[in-house]
């Protein structure tokens, strides 16, 4: 296998955006981050983790992100 595989503890140590092991397991369970179970350990491809995190970041350039529209209506 030519991909570098990371354990949950490796992901938490190398990617600060993944705050703790519970967050990594939660994202893996939802299927948003592909994972494999090898020899009883959940492992992730480095490329998959980087792609997942890149997809999480929103653009910070003016006019490139989603605008917030309030749907709050105050009746009175």
N, C-alpha and C. Protein backbone atom coordinates (compact mmCIF):
# COMPACT_ATOMS: atom_id res chain seq x y z
N UNK A 1 0.85 -1.18 0.00
CA UNK A 1 0.00 0.00 0.00
C UNK A 1 0.89 1.24 0.00
N UNK A 2 0.64 2.13 -0.91
CA UNK A 2 1.50 3.31 -1.05
C UNK A 2 1.01 4.50 -0.25
N UNK A 3 -0.14 4.39 0.41
CA UNK A 3 -0.65 5.50 1.21
C UNK A 3 -0.11 5.43 2.63
N UNK A 4 0.15 6.59 3.19
CA UNK A 4 0.58 6.64 4.59
C UNK A 4 -0.67 6.55 5.46
N UNK A 5 -0.69 5.60 6.36
CA UNK A 5 -1.85 5.39 7.21
C UNK A 5 -1.58 5.97 8.60
N UNK A 6 -2.59 6.61 9.17
CA UNK A 6 -2.49 7.24 10.48
C UNK A 6 -3.49 6.63 11.44
N UNK A 7 -3.08 6.44 12.68
CA UNK A 7 -4.01 5.99 13.71
C UNK A 7 -4.76 7.21 14.25
N UNK A 8 -5.73 6.97 15.10
CA UNK A 8 -6.50 8.07 15.69
C UNK A 8 -5.59 9.00 16.47
N UNK A 9 -4.67 8.45 17.24
CA UNK A 9 -3.76 9.30 18.02
C UNK A 9 -2.83 10.11 17.11
N UNK A 10 -2.43 9.54 15.97
CA UNK A 10 -1.62 10.28 15.00
C UNK A 10 -2.40 11.47 14.43
N UNK A 11 -3.67 11.24 14.11
CA UNK A 11 -4.51 12.30 13.54
C UNK A 11 -4.66 13.44 14.55
N UNK A 12 -4.93 13.10 15.81
CA UNK A 12 -5.09 14.13 16.84
C UNK A 12 -3.79 14.90 17.05
N UNK A 13 -2.66 14.21 17.01
CA UNK A 13 -1.37 14.86 17.23
C UNK A 13 -0.95 15.76 16.07
N UNK A 14 -1.22 15.34 14.84
CA UNK A 14 -0.74 16.08 13.68
C UNK A 14 -1.70 17.14 13.14
N UNK A 15 -2.97 17.00 13.45
CA UNK A 15 -3.97 17.93 12.93
C UNK A 15 -4.75 18.54 14.10
N UNK A 16 -4.34 19.73 14.55
CA UNK A 16 -4.98 20.35 15.72
C UNK A 16 -6.47 20.64 15.52
N UNK A 17 -6.94 20.71 14.28
CA UNK A 17 -8.35 20.96 14.04
C UNK A 17 -9.21 19.80 14.53
N UNK A 18 -8.64 18.60 14.55
CA UNK A 18 -9.34 17.44 15.10
C UNK A 18 -9.03 17.43 16.59
N UNK A 19 -9.92 17.96 17.38
CA UNK A 19 -9.63 18.30 18.78
C UNK A 19 -9.27 17.12 19.67
N UNK A 20 -9.96 15.99 19.52
CA UNK A 20 -9.68 14.85 20.38
C UNK A 20 -10.09 13.56 19.66
N UNK A 21 -9.81 12.44 20.30
CA UNK A 21 -10.08 11.15 19.69
C UNK A 21 -11.58 10.95 19.46
N UNK A 22 -12.41 11.42 20.36
CA UNK A 22 -13.85 11.26 20.21
C UNK A 22 -14.34 11.96 18.94
N UNK A 23 -13.78 13.12 18.63
CA UNK A 23 -14.17 13.84 17.42
C UNK A 23 -13.75 13.07 16.17
N UNK A 24 -12.60 12.46 16.20
CA UNK A 24 -12.12 11.68 15.05
C UNK A 24 -13.03 10.47 14.84
N UNK A 25 -13.35 9.75 15.91
CA UNK A 25 -14.25 8.60 15.79
C UNK A 25 -15.63 9.02 15.29
N UNK A 26 -16.12 10.17 15.77
CA UNK A 26 -17.45 10.65 15.37
C UNK A 26 -17.48 10.95 13.87
N UNK A 27 -16.46 11.62 13.36
CA UNK A 27 -16.40 11.94 11.94
C UNK A 27 -16.27 10.66 11.10
N UNK A 28 -15.51 9.70 11.60
CA UNK A 28 -15.34 8.43 10.89
C UNK A 28 -16.66 7.66 10.87
N UNK A 29 -17.38 7.68 11.97
CA UNK A 29 -18.65 6.95 12.07
C UNK A 29 -19.69 7.51 11.09
N UNK A 30 -19.68 8.82 10.88
CA UNK A 30 -20.65 9.42 9.95
C UNK A 30 -20.31 9.13 8.50
N UNK A 31 -19.07 8.71 8.23
CA UNK A 31 -18.65 8.41 6.87
C UNK A 31 -18.04 9.60 6.15
N UNK A 32 -17.97 10.74 6.81
CA UNK A 32 -17.39 11.92 6.18
C UNK A 32 -15.88 11.76 5.97
N UNK A 33 -15.26 10.97 6.83
CA UNK A 33 -13.83 10.69 6.73
C UNK A 33 -13.65 9.18 6.57
N UNK A 34 -13.21 8.72 5.40
CA UNK A 34 -13.05 7.28 5.18
C UNK A 34 -12.04 6.68 6.16
N UNK A 35 -12.37 5.50 6.68
CA UNK A 35 -11.48 4.83 7.62
C UNK A 35 -11.47 3.34 7.34
N UNK A 36 -10.44 2.69 7.84
CA UNK A 36 -10.31 1.24 7.72
C UNK A 36 -9.99 0.69 9.10
N UNK A 37 -10.39 -0.55 9.32
CA UNK A 37 -10.03 -1.22 10.57
C UNK A 37 -9.02 -2.30 10.21
N UNK A 38 -7.79 -2.10 10.65
CA UNK A 38 -6.71 -3.03 10.36
C UNK A 38 -6.13 -3.50 11.68
N UNK A 39 -6.12 -4.81 11.88
CA UNK A 39 -5.60 -5.42 13.11
C UNK A 39 -6.23 -4.81 14.35
N UNK A 40 -7.53 -4.55 14.28
CA UNK A 40 -8.26 -4.03 15.44
C UNK A 40 -8.11 -2.54 15.68
N UNK A 41 -7.40 -1.84 14.80
CA UNK A 41 -7.20 -0.40 14.97
C UNK A 41 -7.86 0.34 13.81
N UNK A 42 -8.47 1.47 14.12
CA UNK A 42 -9.05 2.32 13.09
C UNK A 42 -7.93 3.19 12.54
N UNK A 43 -7.76 3.16 11.22
CA UNK A 43 -6.71 3.94 10.58
C UNK A 43 -7.29 4.77 9.44
N UNK A 44 -6.57 5.84 9.11
CA UNK A 44 -6.99 6.79 8.10
C UNK A 44 -5.83 7.06 7.16
N UNK A 45 -6.14 7.34 5.92
CA UNK A 45 -5.13 7.76 4.96
C UNK A 45 -4.84 9.25 5.21
N UNK A 46 -3.57 9.62 5.17
CA UNK A 46 -3.20 11.03 5.37
C UNK A 46 -3.89 11.92 4.33
N UNK A 47 -3.95 11.46 3.10
CA UNK A 47 -4.58 12.24 2.03
C UNK A 47 -6.07 12.46 2.31
N UNK A 48 -6.74 11.44 2.85
CA UNK A 48 -8.16 11.57 3.18
C UNK A 48 -8.38 12.57 4.31
N UNK A 49 -7.52 12.55 5.32
CA UNK A 49 -7.64 13.49 6.44
C UNK A 49 -7.42 14.92 5.94
N UNK A 50 -6.39 15.11 5.13
CA UNK A 50 -6.11 16.45 4.60
C UNK A 50 -7.26 16.94 3.71
N UNK A 51 -7.82 16.05 2.90
CA UNK A 51 -8.94 16.44 2.03
C UNK A 51 -10.18 16.78 2.87
N UNK A 52 -10.43 16.01 3.92
CA UNK A 52 -11.58 16.29 4.79
C UNK A 52 -11.43 17.67 5.44
N UNK A 53 -10.25 17.95 5.98
CA UNK A 53 -10.04 19.23 6.65
C UNK A 53 -10.08 20.39 5.65
N UNK A 54 -9.57 20.19 4.45
CA UNK A 54 -9.62 21.25 3.43
C UNK A 54 -11.07 21.57 3.07
N UNK A 55 -11.92 20.57 3.07
CA UNK A 55 -13.32 20.79 2.77
C UNK A 55 -14.07 21.48 3.89
N UNK A 56 -13.53 21.44 5.09
CA UNK A 56 -14.18 22.05 6.25
C UNK A 56 -13.95 23.55 6.32
N UNK A 57 -12.85 24.02 5.77
CA UNK A 57 -12.52 25.43 5.87
C UNK A 57 -13.34 26.24 4.89
N UNK A 58 -13.84 27.36 5.34
CA UNK A 58 -14.60 28.25 4.47
C UNK A 58 -13.69 29.35 3.97
N UNK A 59 -14.04 29.87 2.84
CA UNK A 59 -13.25 30.94 2.26
C UNK A 59 -13.32 32.18 3.14
N UNK A 60 -12.21 32.82 3.34
CA UNK A 60 -12.17 34.04 4.14
C UNK A 60 -11.97 35.28 3.28
N UNK A 61 -11.96 35.09 1.96
CA UNK A 61 -11.81 36.20 1.04
C UNK A 61 -13.18 36.89 0.92
N UNK A 62 -13.19 38.21 0.94
CA UNK A 62 -14.45 38.96 0.86
C UNK A 62 -15.23 38.57 -0.38
N UNK A 63 -16.49 38.28 -0.17
CA UNK A 63 -17.36 37.94 -1.29
C UNK A 63 -17.30 36.50 -1.73
N UNK A 64 -16.44 35.70 -1.13
CA UNK A 64 -16.31 34.31 -1.55
C UNK A 64 -17.05 33.34 -0.63
N UNK A 65 -17.40 33.75 0.56
CA UNK A 65 -18.09 32.86 1.50
C UNK A 65 -19.59 33.03 1.46
N UNK A 66 -20.28 32.19 2.21
CA UNK A 66 -21.73 32.33 2.29
C UNK A 66 -22.08 33.51 3.16
N UNK A 67 -23.11 34.24 2.79
CA UNK A 67 -23.57 35.35 3.60
C UNK A 67 -24.62 34.84 4.57
N UNK A 68 -24.61 35.39 5.76
CA UNK A 68 -25.59 35.03 6.76
C UNK A 68 -26.83 35.89 6.60
N UNK A 69 -27.96 35.24 6.51
CA UNK A 69 -29.23 35.97 6.45
C UNK A 69 -30.05 35.55 7.65
N UNK A 70 -30.49 36.51 8.41
CA UNK A 70 -31.31 36.21 9.57
C UNK A 70 -32.72 35.88 9.13
N UNK A 71 -33.26 34.82 9.66
CA UNK A 71 -34.63 34.42 9.36
C UNK A 71 -35.55 34.75 10.54
N UNK A 72 -35.05 35.51 11.49
CA UNK A 72 -35.79 35.84 12.69
C UNK A 72 -36.82 36.93 12.37
N UNK A 73 -38.06 36.65 12.75
CA UNK A 73 -39.14 37.63 12.56
C UNK A 73 -39.73 37.92 13.93
N UNK A 74 -39.77 39.17 14.29
CA UNK A 74 -40.32 39.56 15.58
C UNK A 74 -41.71 40.14 15.34
N UNK A 75 -42.68 39.46 15.89
CA UNK A 75 -44.06 39.93 15.75
C UNK A 75 -44.43 40.71 16.99
N UNK A 76 -45.12 41.79 16.81
CA UNK A 76 -45.43 42.54 18.01
C UNK A 76 -46.40 43.59 17.86
